[in-house]
Protein backbone atom coordinates (compact mmCIF):
# COMPACT_ATOMS: atom_id res chain seq x y z
CA MET A 1 0.00 0.31 -0.33
CA ASP A 2 1.07 3.77 -0.58
CA SER A 3 2.85 4.90 2.66
CA LEU A 4 -0.43 7.59 3.13
CA ASN A 5 -2.81 4.84 3.24
CA TYR A 6 -1.06 3.70 6.91
CA GLU A 7 -1.23 7.65 8.01
CA ASP A 8 -5.10 7.74 6.90
CA GLU A 9 -5.59 4.24 8.80
CA MET A 10 -3.93 6.22 11.84
CA TYR A 11 -6.06 8.81 11.50
CA ALA A 12 -9.51 6.74 11.50
CA PHE A 13 -8.53 4.99 14.32
CA PHE A 14 -8.13 7.70 16.62
CA GLU A 15 -11.37 9.31 14.49
CA SER A 16 -12.98 6.39 15.56
CA THR A 17 -11.83 5.30 19.20
CA TRP A 18 -13.41 9.52 20.20
CA HIS A 19 -16.56 8.79 18.88
CA LEU A 20 -16.82 5.70 20.80
CA LYS A 21 -18.43 8.46 23.13
CA ASP A 22 -21.44 9.74 20.79
CA TRP A 23 -22.24 5.86 20.19
CA LEU A 24 -22.52 4.70 23.65
CA LYS A 25 -24.25 7.83 24.60
CA ASN A 26 -26.76 6.63 21.66
CA ASP A 27 -26.69 3.28 21.64
CA PRO A 28 -30.54 2.39 22.79
CA ALA A 29 -29.23 -1.28 24.23
CA HIS A 30 -28.13 0.50 27.33
CA PRO A 31 -29.84 3.40 29.65
CA LEU A 32 -28.78 6.70 29.43
CA ALA A 33 -28.27 7.17 32.94
CA TRP A 34 -24.64 7.11 32.67
CA ALA A 35 -24.50 8.84 29.57
CA ASP A 36 -22.71 12.37 31.76
CA ASP A 37 -20.24 9.69 32.90
CA VAL A 38 -19.17 8.70 29.15
CA GLU A 39 -18.45 12.73 28.67
CA ASP A 40 -16.70 13.39 31.65
CA PHE A 41 -14.06 10.64 31.52
CA ALA A 42 -13.26 11.85 28.22
CA LYS A 43 -12.64 15.36 29.05
CA HIS A 44 -10.68 13.74 31.70
CA SER A 45 -9.14 11.23 30.08
CA ASP A 46 -5.31 12.28 28.74
CA PRO A 47 -5.33 9.47 25.69
CA LEU A 48 -8.94 10.91 24.79
CA ARG A 49 -8.46 14.10 25.10
CA TRP A 50 -5.03 13.94 22.75
CA CYS A 51 -7.42 11.39 20.51
CA ALA A 52 -10.02 14.40 20.74
CA ASP A 53 -7.51 17.06 18.95
CA ILE A 54 -6.03 14.67 16.52
CA THR A 55 -9.46 14.02 15.27
CA ASN A 56 -10.83 17.60 15.57
CA GLY A 57 -7.75 18.47 13.07
CA SER A 58 -8.15 15.54 11.04
CA LYS A 59 -11.91 15.36 10.07
CA HIS A 60 -11.33 19.49 9.76
CA LEU A 61 -7.61 20.18 7.93
CA GLU A 62 -7.65 22.65 11.68
CA ALA A 63 -9.05 22.50 14.57
CA ASN A 64 -12.49 24.39 14.82
CA ARG A 65 -13.53 23.82 18.64
CA ARG A 66 -11.68 24.27 21.60
CA PRO A 67 -9.13 22.17 21.94
CA ARG A 68 -8.78 19.63 24.53
CA VAL A 69 -4.94 20.04 24.85
CA ASP A 70 -3.57 22.15 21.50
CA PRO A 71 -4.56 23.20 18.96
CA LYS A 72 -2.26 22.79 16.79
CA MET A 73 -1.64 18.99 17.65
CA GLY A 74 -0.88 16.89 14.74
CA LEU A 75 1.08 14.26 13.06
CA GLY A 76 5.03 14.97 13.72
CA GLY A 77 7.89 12.63 12.53
CA ARG A 78 7.17 10.00 10.15
CA TYR A 79 9.95 6.91 10.35
CA TYR A 80 9.86 3.72 7.81
CA SER A 81 11.97 1.31 8.35
CA VAL A 82 12.83 -2.37 5.87
CA MET A 83 13.74 -5.80 7.86
CA LEU A 84 16.25 -7.35 4.97
CA GLY A 85 17.92 -10.59 5.05
CA ALA A 86 15.50 -12.76 7.17
CA GLU A 87 12.40 -13.94 6.07
CA PRO A 88 9.80 -12.67 5.29
CA THR A 89 11.20 -8.78 4.49
CA THR A 90 9.47 -6.46 6.97
CA ILE A 91 8.30 -2.82 6.22
CA SER A 92 7.01 -0.99 8.62
CA VAL A 93 6.02 2.93 9.98
CA SER A 94 5.84 4.83 12.99
CA TYR A 95 4.32 8.29 14.01
CA ASP A 96 4.72 10.76 16.11
CA ILE A 97 1.81 13.09 17.49
CA VAL A 98 2.69 16.38 18.49
CA GLY A 99 1.26 19.14 21.02
CA ALA A 100 1.53 20.61 24.01
CA GLY A 101 5.45 20.85 23.85
CA GLN A 102 5.57 17.19 24.02
CA ARG A 103 5.89 14.26 20.83
CA ARG A 104 4.19 10.63 21.63
CA ASP A 105 4.63 8.11 19.56
CA ALA A 106 0.99 6.90 18.12
CA MET A 107 0.98 3.49 18.31
CA ALA A 108 1.90 4.09 22.17
CA LEU A 109 -0.89 6.82 22.24
CA ALA A 110 -3.60 4.19 20.68
CA ASP A 111 -2.67 1.54 23.26
CA GLU A 112 -3.87 4.38 26.29
CA CYS A 113 -6.62 4.93 24.20
CA LEU A 114 -7.32 1.25 24.21
CA ILE A 115 -6.82 0.65 27.71
CA ALA A 116 -8.94 3.79 28.94
CA TRP A 117 -11.99 2.61 27.06
CA GLU A 118 -11.35 -0.85 28.45
CA GLN A 119 -11.73 0.34 31.79
CA PHE A 120 -14.88 2.68 31.55
CA LEU A 121 -16.52 -0.40 29.91
CA LYS A 122 -15.82 -2.41 32.51
CA LYS A 123 -16.20 -0.15 35.01
CA HIS A 124 -19.92 0.42 33.44
CA HIS A 125 -20.45 -3.61 32.70
CA LEU A 126 -20.50 -3.32 29.19
CA LEU A 127 -16.94 -5.70 28.81
């Protein structure tokens, strides 16, 4: 695949991860008694706040809502590697997300987002 496809997949992950809160609030299978909990949780979760700013910037080209961390948050470095010799040959890519004077590995941030949502879902007996 073209390397931009991987970048698109990364943005799609963060967009879907952020919008899980809206899906949870609107799920007819569960009462809305905890709808405020999901907003409060997302608002106070560090990885999800980063996720929100990545999503806002990627969806609208530039942040058009009040940022949670940094209005200029976005993709920083792109790193590509190729492992030759041992079969199979592998090609990998990693990305940095930059914001608020910090540089975070996109995969590590994605893992933090998944852990945060897993904790929320378990707390509310949805997992």
